[in-house]
Amino acid sequence: MVCLSRSWGGLEQVAANDALDLGSLGLKIRVLCLENSPIHENMAGRKEVEILPISYRPRNYFDFKLRLEFQKLLADGVNLIHTHQTTLLGSIVPWLWRFRNVALLATRHIMNNHDKRDIIHRLLYRRVEFLIVMSHMLRKNVMETHAFREKDIKVVNLGLDFDLFDPEKVNPSQQRAQWGADNDTLVIGLVGRIDLAKGQATFIRAAAGLLKNLRAGERLKFVIVGEETLGSVSNHLDELKKMVSQFRLEEYVVFAGYQENIPEVMRAFDIFVMPSRQEAFGLVAIEAMAMECPIVISNGGSAEEIVGREEFGLTVRPNDAFDLQRQIRHMLDNPMERIQMGQRARAHVRANYDRQKRMIKSLRLYERALKRRGVY
């Protein structure tokens, strides 16, 4: 598996979980990652996989250092390579052309707004057995922008461990107390990397609007979970904190930083929001749903697949703080509807986003890819 990223978001967590799940079956899984990256730190020492950290970020095309890494892997008998970054295909495919018995798969995690049907990309994609995506909307986007054959673009839903994401096993009281929220406080939360595209500023503006029009006796707390990308030069977090100060919301908005206890975090929310500009899917959305937390997410991307016809959550226009405020207000004013929505959401996620089912589908694609290459 190849994942050369310094972030620790949905892409990286999905890649790590997939590798660990497959390794737990006894398969020999090697993970090529950047040295001291979050994916390296989170997987180091795990017996299920072998970590292969590299100290440089390869170029997207014809990187000769990366070629040496693949030569070592192929010499050691590796017969399948799965990259979670399609941008690296230009430095993977050229070194595989003469190795006819090595299968290559790629996963695309984000929407694409560029036409990648030129001759160079066509040549690169011809060497890929299957391109894996996590939603039908992302599959449609790939079909419209990439030179892949339709039959080679496969949807494999994201998957959760429902022993871990079980609302009956989690007591949210301690987590809520850390945020200064008692049992009578309604907590509205957002989880995601601190980034302009994730919509934290829209969330803060919506919070300001809601706090101006509080119902009698209503107490609200707004929690932002996440941190900026490791090594980022962005100062967006400082900008968000200044915004909170300008609106005089310090008493109501909590910057909780990075949290590992996501099941507890999601259970501690009364409402989860994902106001991103654009998301191919949004792992955190189904994590919230699994904990019976109703959600409000931006439309577009795969929102309809997540919330259905708003049986499992509500949608809003991206970058529209007023629309976000309106939908949160609707949930606050309708507590029984909110609770029932959360219950339906968990049932929906359990039926469609099981981690074991994802692993089985992935293994079947690996088997088909190896058969194409004549391995067996």
Protein backbone atom coordinates (compact mmCIF):
# COMPACT_ATOMS: atom_id res chain seq x y z
CA MET A 1 0.00 0.00 0.00
CA VAL A 2 1.22 3.48 -0.86
CA CYS A 3 0.12 6.61 1.04
CA LEU A 4 2.63 9.46 0.97
CA SER A 5 0.73 12.11 2.88
CA ARG A 6 1.56 14.25 5.90
CA SER A 7 -2.07 14.73 6.89
CA TRP A 8 -4.24 12.57 9.14
CA GLY A 9 -7.72 12.91 7.73
CA GLY A 10 -10.24 10.59 6.16
CA LEU A 11 -7.95 9.50 3.30
CA GLU A 12 -5.09 8.53 5.56
CA GLN A 13 -7.29 6.85 8.17
CA VAL A 14 -9.07 4.79 5.53
CA ALA A 15 -5.75 3.70 4.03
CA ALA A 16 -4.37 2.77 7.45
CA ASN A 17 -7.47 0.85 8.50
CA ASP A 18 -7.56 -1.05 5.22
CA ALA A 19 -3.93 -2.10 5.59
CA LEU A 20 -4.43 -3.21 9.19
CA ASP A 21 -7.59 -5.15 8.37
CA LEU A 22 -5.93 -7.00 5.50
CA GLY A 23 -2.81 -7.62 7.54
CA SER A 24 -4.91 -9.10 10.35
CA LEU A 25 -5.90 -11.88 7.94
CA GLY A 26 -2.30 -13.00 7.66
CA LEU A 27 -1.56 -11.29 4.36
CA LYS A 28 1.89 -9.74 4.11
CA ILE A 29 1.09 -6.03 3.85
CA ARG A 30 3.79 -3.40 3.44
CA VAL A 31 2.97 0.29 3.82
CA LEU A 32 5.08 2.83 1.96
CA CYS A 33 4.70 6.16 3.76
CA LEU A 34 6.59 9.35 4.59
CA GLU A 35 8.93 9.19 7.55
CA ASN A 36 7.50 10.80 10.70
CA SER A 37 4.17 11.41 9.02
CA PRO A 38 0.97 10.78 11.02
CA ILE A 39 0.33 7.55 9.11
CA HIS A 40 3.87 6.40 10.02
CA GLU A 41 3.43 7.32 13.69
CA ASN A 42 -0.02 5.72 13.94
CA MET A 43 1.04 2.42 12.36
CA ALA A 44 4.57 2.05 13.71
CA GLY A 45 4.93 -1.07 15.80
CA ARG A 46 1.73 -2.70 14.56
CA LYS A 47 2.30 -6.39 13.98
CA GLU A 48 -0.29 -6.58 11.19
CA VAL A 49 1.81 -4.58 8.72
CA GLU A 50 5.39 -3.76 7.81
CA ILE A 51 6.07 -0.01 7.63
CA LEU A 52 8.45 1.27 4.94
CA PRO A 53 9.07 4.97 5.66
CA ILE A 54 10.88 7.15 3.14
CA SER A 55 12.48 10.50 3.95
CA TYR A 56 11.52 12.39 0.78
CA ARG A 57 8.34 13.36 -1.06
CA PRO A 58 8.54 11.84 -4.57
CA ARG A 59 7.76 13.82 -7.67
CA ASN A 60 4.49 13.03 -9.43
CA TYR A 61 6.29 11.80 -12.56
CA PHE A 62 9.36 9.60 -13.09
CA ASP A 63 10.81 9.80 -9.60
CA PHE A 64 13.96 7.68 -9.69
CA LYS A 65 14.28 7.41 -5.91
CA LEU A 66 10.82 5.90 -5.80
CA ARG A 67 11.87 3.54 -8.58
CA LEU A 68 14.53 2.10 -6.28
CA GLU A 69 11.90 1.51 -3.58
CA PHE A 70 9.71 -0.42 -6.01
CA GLN A 71 12.65 -2.43 -7.31
CA LYS A 72 13.28 -3.65 -3.76
CA LEU A 73 9.62 -4.53 -3.26
CA LEU A 74 9.30 -6.38 -6.56
CA ALA A 75 12.53 -8.26 -5.95
CA ASP A 76 11.05 -9.39 -2.63
CA GLY A 77 8.02 -10.89 -4.36
CA VAL A 78 5.40 -8.11 -4.10
CA ASN A 79 2.73 -8.82 -6.73
CA LEU A 80 0.13 -6.13 -6.00
CA ILE A 81 0.49 -2.39 -5.38
CA HIS A 82 -2.39 -0.24 -4.15
CA THR A 83 -1.91 3.54 -4.06
CA HIS A 84 -4.30 5.85 -2.25
CA GLN A 85 -3.00 8.85 -4.22
CA THR A 86 -3.65 8.87 -7.95
CA THR A 87 -1.22 11.79 -8.31
CA LEU A 88 1.61 9.28 -7.78
CA LEU A 89 0.68 7.10 -10.75
CA GLY A 90 3.14 9.04 -12.92
CA SER A 91 5.96 7.79 -10.70
CA ILE A 92 4.58 4.27 -10.25
CA VAL A 93 3.31 3.18 -13.66
CA PRO A 94 6.56 3.77 -15.64
CA TRP A 95 8.45 1.37 -13.40
CA LEU A 96 5.81 -1.37 -13.70
CA TRP A 97 5.39 -1.64 -17.47
CA ARG A 98 7.77 -4.57 -17.82
CA PHE A 99 6.47 -6.37 -14.73
CA ARG A 100 3.43 -8.02 -16.26
CA ASN A 101 2.71 -10.15 -13.18
CA VAL A 102 2.30 -7.15 -10.82
CA ALA A 103 -1.23 -5.80 -10.35
CA LEU A 104 -1.83 -2.11 -9.73
CA LEU A 105 -4.91 -0.58 -8.09
CA ALA A 106 -5.63 3.00 -7.08
CA THR A 107 -8.18 4.63 -4.81
CA ARG A 108 -9.47 8.13 -5.47
CA HIS A 109 -10.77 9.91 -2.38
CA ILE A 110 -11.62 13.38 -3.69
CA MET A 111 -13.74 14.96 -6.40
CA ASN A 112 -11.95 16.11 -9.53
CA ASN A 113 -12.59 19.37 -11.40
CA HIS A 114 -10.06 18.89 -14.20
CA ASP A 115 -10.21 16.93 -17.45
CA LYS A 116 -7.74 14.05 -17.19
CA ARG A 117 -8.50 12.37 -20.50
CA ASP A 118 -5.33 13.52 -22.30
CA ILE A 119 -2.95 11.04 -23.86
CA ILE A 120 -0.55 10.98 -20.89
CA HIS A 121 -3.27 10.14 -18.38
CA ARG A 122 -4.78 7.59 -20.75
CA LEU A 123 -1.45 5.77 -20.87
CA LEU A 124 -1.10 5.84 -17.10
CA TYR A 125 -4.63 4.59 -16.45
CA ARG A 126 -4.28 1.69 -18.90
CA ARG A 127 -1.87 0.08 -16.44
CA VAL A 128 -4.33 0.30 -13.52
CA GLU A 129 -6.54 -2.75 -13.06
CA PHE A 130 -9.21 -1.03 -10.98
CA LEU A 131 -9.85 2.46 -9.68
CA ILE A 132 -11.69 2.29 -6.34
CA VAL A 133 -14.02 5.03 -5.11
CA MET A 134 -16.25 5.20 -2.03
CA SER A 135 -19.47 6.54 -3.52
CA HIS A 136 -21.56 6.44 -6.66
CA MET A 137 -21.32 10.22 -6.96
CA LEU A 138 -17.52 10.02 -6.98
CA ARG A 139 -17.73 7.23 -9.57
CA LYS A 140 -19.84 9.50 -11.76
CA ASN A 141 -17.31 12.30 -11.34
CA VAL A 142 -14.45 9.99 -12.35
CA MET A 143 -16.33 8.75 -15.40
CA GLU A 144 -16.81 12.35 -16.55
CA THR A 145 -13.21 13.47 -16.01
CA HIS A 146 -10.92 10.42 -16.29
CA ALA A 147 -10.01 8.03 -19.09
CA PHE A 148 -10.95 4.87 -17.20
CA ARG A 149 -13.21 2.22 -18.60
CA GLU A 150 -16.55 2.31 -16.82
CA LYS A 151 -16.29 -1.35 -15.79
CA ASP A 152 -12.95 -0.70 -14.08
CA ILE A 153 -14.27 1.97 -11.68
CA LYS A 154 -15.50 0.15 -8.59
CA VAL A 155 -17.48 1.49 -5.64
CA VAL A 156 -16.36 0.09 -2.28
CA ASN A 157 -18.22 1.79 0.55
CA LEU A 158 -16.31 3.03 3.55
CA GLY A 159 -16.63 0.83 6.61
CA LEU A 160 -16.80 1.22 10.36
CA ASP A 161 -16.09 -1.10 13.26
CA PHE A 162 -19.46 -1.24 15.02
CA ASP A 163 -17.98 -2.71 18.17
CA LEU A 164 -16.08 0.55 18.48
CA PHE A 165 -18.83 2.81 17.16
CA ASP A 166 -21.53 1.63 19.55
CA PRO A 167 -23.54 4.32 21.38
CA GLU A 168 -24.48 1.84 24.11
CA LYS A 169 -20.82 1.42 25.08
CA VAL A 170 -19.99 5.11 25.39
CA ASN A 171 -20.71 7.51 28.25
CA PRO A 172 -20.35 11.05 26.88
CA SER A 173 -20.60 12.86 30.24
CA GLN A 174 -16.87 13.26 30.82
CA GLN A 175 -16.25 14.48 27.28
CA ARG A 176 -19.09 17.01 27.53
CA ALA A 177 -17.79 18.21 30.89
CA GLN A 178 -14.41 18.96 29.31
CA TRP A 179 -16.20 21.32 26.94
CA GLY A 180 -18.15 22.97 29.76
CA ALA A 181 -21.46 21.40 28.71
CA ASP A 182 -23.84 20.02 31.32
CA ASN A 183 -26.85 17.79 30.66
CA ASP A 184 -29.04 20.77 29.79
CA THR A 185 -26.61 22.19 27.22
CA LEU A 186 -27.08 21.33 23.56
CA VAL A 187 -23.75 20.67 21.86
CA ILE A 188 -23.32 21.29 18.13
CA GLY A 189 -20.02 19.97 16.83
CA LEU A 190 -17.75 19.84 13.80
CA VAL A 191 -14.88 17.40 13.26
CA GLY A 192 -12.29 17.91 10.54
CA ARG A 193 -8.93 19.31 9.57
CA ILE A 194 -8.68 23.06 10.21
CA ASP A 195 -8.87 24.31 6.65
CA LEU A 196 -10.70 27.00 4.71
CA ALA A 197 -12.47 24.33 2.64
CA LYS A 198 -13.85 22.53 5.70
CA GLY A 199 -16.25 25.36 6.58
CA GLN A 200 -15.28 26.19 10.17
CA ALA A 201 -15.76 29.90 9.43
CA THR A 202 -19.27 29.23 8.15
CA PHE A 203 -19.94 27.25 11.33
CA ILE A 204 -18.83 30.16 13.53
CA ARG A 205 -21.02 32.62 11.63
CA ALA A 206 -23.99 30.27 12.03
CA ALA A 207 -23.22 30.00 15.75
CA ALA A 208 -23.25 33.79 16.07
CA GLY A 209 -26.65 33.93 14.42
CA LEU A 210 -28.11 31.22 16.64
CA LEU A 211 -26.80 32.86 19.80
CA LYS A 212 -28.44 36.16 18.87
CA ASN A 213 -31.82 34.42 18.80
CA LEU A 214 -31.70 31.99 21.71
CA ARG A 215 -34.92 30.44 22.93
CA ALA A 216 -35.86 31.09 26.54
CA GLY A 217 -33.66 28.97 28.81
CA GLU A 218 -31.69 27.50 25.90
CA ARG A 219 -27.98 26.82 26.38
CA LEU A 220 -25.74 26.06 23.43
CA LYS A 221 -22.11 25.05 23.01
CA PHE A 222 -20.27 24.91 19.67
CA VAL A 223 -17.27 22.56 19.48
CA ILE A 224 -14.63 22.52 16.74
CA VAL A 225 -12.52 19.35 16.76
CA GLY A 226 -9.41 19.21 14.59
CA GLU A 227 -6.03 20.77 13.93
CA GLU A 228 -4.17 22.20 10.98
CA THR A 229 -2.21 19.85 8.73
CA LEU A 230 1.20 18.90 10.12
CA GLY A 231 3.81 21.27 8.69
CA SER A 232 1.18 23.62 7.30
CA VAL A 233 2.10 27.31 7.00
CA SER A 234 -1.56 28.27 7.15
CA ASN A 235 -2.75 30.53 9.96
CA HIS A 236 -6.41 29.67 9.49
CA LEU A 237 -6.79 28.53 13.10
CA ASP A 238 -5.67 31.98 14.29
CA GLU A 239 -8.14 33.56 11.88
CA LEU A 240 -10.96 31.43 13.31
CA LYS A 241 -10.04 32.36 16.87
CA LYS A 242 -10.03 36.04 15.92
CA MET A 243 -13.47 35.60 14.39
CA VAL A 244 -14.74 34.07 17.63
CA SER A 245 -13.30 37.03 19.54
CA GLN A 246 -14.84 39.56 17.14
CA PHE A 247 -18.28 37.96 17.59
CA ARG A 248 -17.66 37.71 21.36
CA LEU A 249 -18.33 33.99 21.35
CA GLU A 250 -15.47 32.86 23.60
CA GLU A 251 -17.93 31.52 26.18
CA TYR A 252 -19.75 29.42 23.60
CA VAL A 253 -17.15 28.15 21.09
CA VAL A 254 -14.59 25.50 22.06
CA PHE A 255 -11.51 24.70 19.97
CA ALA A 256 -10.93 21.12 21.10
CA GLY A 257 -7.90 20.35 18.93
CA TYR A 258 -7.14 16.87 17.62
CA GLN A 259 -9.08 14.06 19.32
CA GLU A 260 -8.49 10.32 19.02
CA ASN A 261 -11.63 9.26 20.91
CA ILE A 262 -13.98 9.90 18.00
CA PRO A 263 -16.79 7.58 19.18
CA GLU A 264 -16.97 9.48 22.50
CA VAL A 265 -16.78 12.82 20.68
CA MET A 266 -19.63 11.94 18.33
CA ARG A 267 -21.75 10.59 21.17
CA ALA A 268 -21.18 13.82 23.10
CA PHE A 269 -22.63 15.92 20.26
CA ASP A 270 -26.36 16.57 20.05
CA ILE A 271 -25.95 17.67 16.42
CA PHE A 272 -23.03 17.11 14.04
CA VAL A 273 -22.33 19.49 11.17
CA MET A 274 -20.11 19.15 8.11
CA PRO A 275 -20.29 22.48 6.22
CA SER A 276 -17.43 21.73 3.79
CA ARG A 277 -17.26 23.44 0.44
CA GLN A 278 -17.02 20.06 -1.24
CA GLU A 279 -16.56 16.51 0.06
CA ALA A 280 -16.28 13.36 -2.01
CA PHE A 281 -17.89 11.58 0.89
CA GLY A 282 -16.96 12.45 4.47
CA LEU A 283 -15.94 9.63 6.82
CA VAL A 284 -16.79 11.74 9.87
CA ALA A 285 -20.41 11.99 8.74
CA ILE A 286 -21.02 8.25 8.95
CA GLU A 287 -19.04 8.09 12.20
CA ALA A 288 -21.48 10.58 13.70
CA MET A 289 -24.45 8.67 12.29
CA ALA A 290 -23.14 5.42 13.77
CA MET A 291 -23.30 7.07 17.20
CA GLU A 292 -26.95 8.07 16.64
CA CYS A 293 -26.00 11.70 16.16
CA PRO A 294 -28.17 13.58 13.62
CA ILE A 295 -26.17 15.43 10.99
CA VAL A 296 -26.34 18.63 8.93
CA ILE A 297 -24.00 18.52 5.92
CA SER A 298 -23.31 20.51 2.78
CA ASN A 299 -25.13 19.31 -0.31
CA GLY A 300 -23.22 18.29 -3.41
CA GLY A 301 -20.67 15.52 -3.52
CA SER A 302 -22.15 12.37 -2.01
CA ALA A 303 -24.52 14.11 0.42
CA GLU A 304 -27.61 12.39 -1.00
CA GLU A 305 -26.04 8.97 -0.53
CA ILE A 306 -25.33 9.84 3.10
CA VAL A 307 -28.63 11.41 4.19
CA GLY A 308 -31.00 9.82 1.65
CA ARG A 309 -34.09 11.98 1.22
CA GLU A 310 -33.22 13.67 4.50
CA GLU A 311 -34.31 10.61 6.50
CA PHE A 312 -30.89 10.48 8.16
CA GLY A 313 -29.82 14.13 8.17
CA LEU A 314 -30.34 17.56 6.65
CA THR A 315 -28.40 19.33 3.89
CA VAL A 316 -27.33 22.94 3.46
CA ARG A 317 -25.76 25.06 0.76
CA PRO A 318 -21.95 25.30 1.06
CA ASN A 319 -20.59 28.59 2.46
CA ASP A 320 -24.10 29.66 3.47
CA ALA A 321 -24.07 30.43 7.19
CA PHE A 322 -27.72 31.49 7.19
CA ASP A 323 -28.82 28.17 5.66
CA LEU A 324 -26.69 26.27 8.19
CA GLN A 325 -28.20 28.33 11.00
CA ARG A 326 -31.70 27.61 9.69
CA GLN A 327 -31.21 23.83 9.58
CA ILE A 328 -29.55 23.68 13.00
CA ARG A 329 -32.42 25.76 14.36
CA HIS A 330 -34.89 23.28 12.90
CA MET A 331 -33.16 20.42 14.71
CA LEU A 332 -32.97 22.34 17.98
CA ASP A 333 -36.68 23.13 17.82
CA ASN A 334 -37.67 19.54 17.06
CA PRO A 335 -35.97 17.28 19.63
CA MET A 336 -38.04 14.14 18.94
CA GLU A 337 -37.44 14.41 15.20
CA ARG A 338 -33.74 14.91 15.93
CA ILE A 339 -33.55 11.80 18.11
CA GLN A 340 -35.47 9.64 15.63
CA MET A 341 -33.25 10.88 12.80
CA GLY A 342 -30.19 9.79 14.75
CA GLN A 343 -31.66 6.33 15.33
CA ARG A 344 -32.51 5.91 11.65
CA ALA A 345 -29.03 7.14 10.74
CA ARG A 346 -27.34 4.42 12.79
CA ALA A 347 -29.50 1.70 11.24
CA HIS A 348 -28.67 3.03 7.76
CA VAL A 349 -24.93 3.10 8.43
CA ARG A 350 -24.96 -0.39 9.95
CA ALA A 351 -26.65 -1.75 6.84
CA ASN A 352 -24.37 -0.05 4.32
CA TYR A 353 -21.00 0.84 5.84
CA ASP A 354 -19.65 -2.23 7.57
CA ARG A 355 -15.86 -2.57 7.81
CA GLN A 356 -15.93 -6.33 7.29
CA LYS A 357 -17.96 -5.97 4.09
CA ARG A 358 -15.49 -3.38 2.82
CA MET A 359 -12.60 -5.76 3.45
CA ILE A 360 -14.35 -8.61 1.61
CA LYS A 361 -15.05 -6.40 -1.43
CA SER A 362 -11.45 -5.20 -1.45
CA LEU A 363 -10.11 -8.77 -1.34
CA ARG A 364 -12.33 -9.78 -4.25
CA LEU A 365 -10.99 -6.89 -6.33
CA TYR A 366 -7.41 -7.86 -5.43
CA GLU A 367 -8.14 -11.42 -6.54
CA ARG A 368 -9.61 -10.27 -9.85
CA ALA A 369 -6.67 -7.93 -10.44
CA LEU A 370 -4.14 -10.70 -9.84
CA LYS A 371 -6.07 -13.03 -12.18
CA ARG A 372 -5.87 -10.37 -14.88
CA ARG A 373 -2.13 -10.36 -14.44
CA GLY A 374 -1.95 -14.15 -14.65
CA VAL A 375 -0.67 -14.63 -11.10
CA TYR A 376 -3.22 -17.43 -10.54
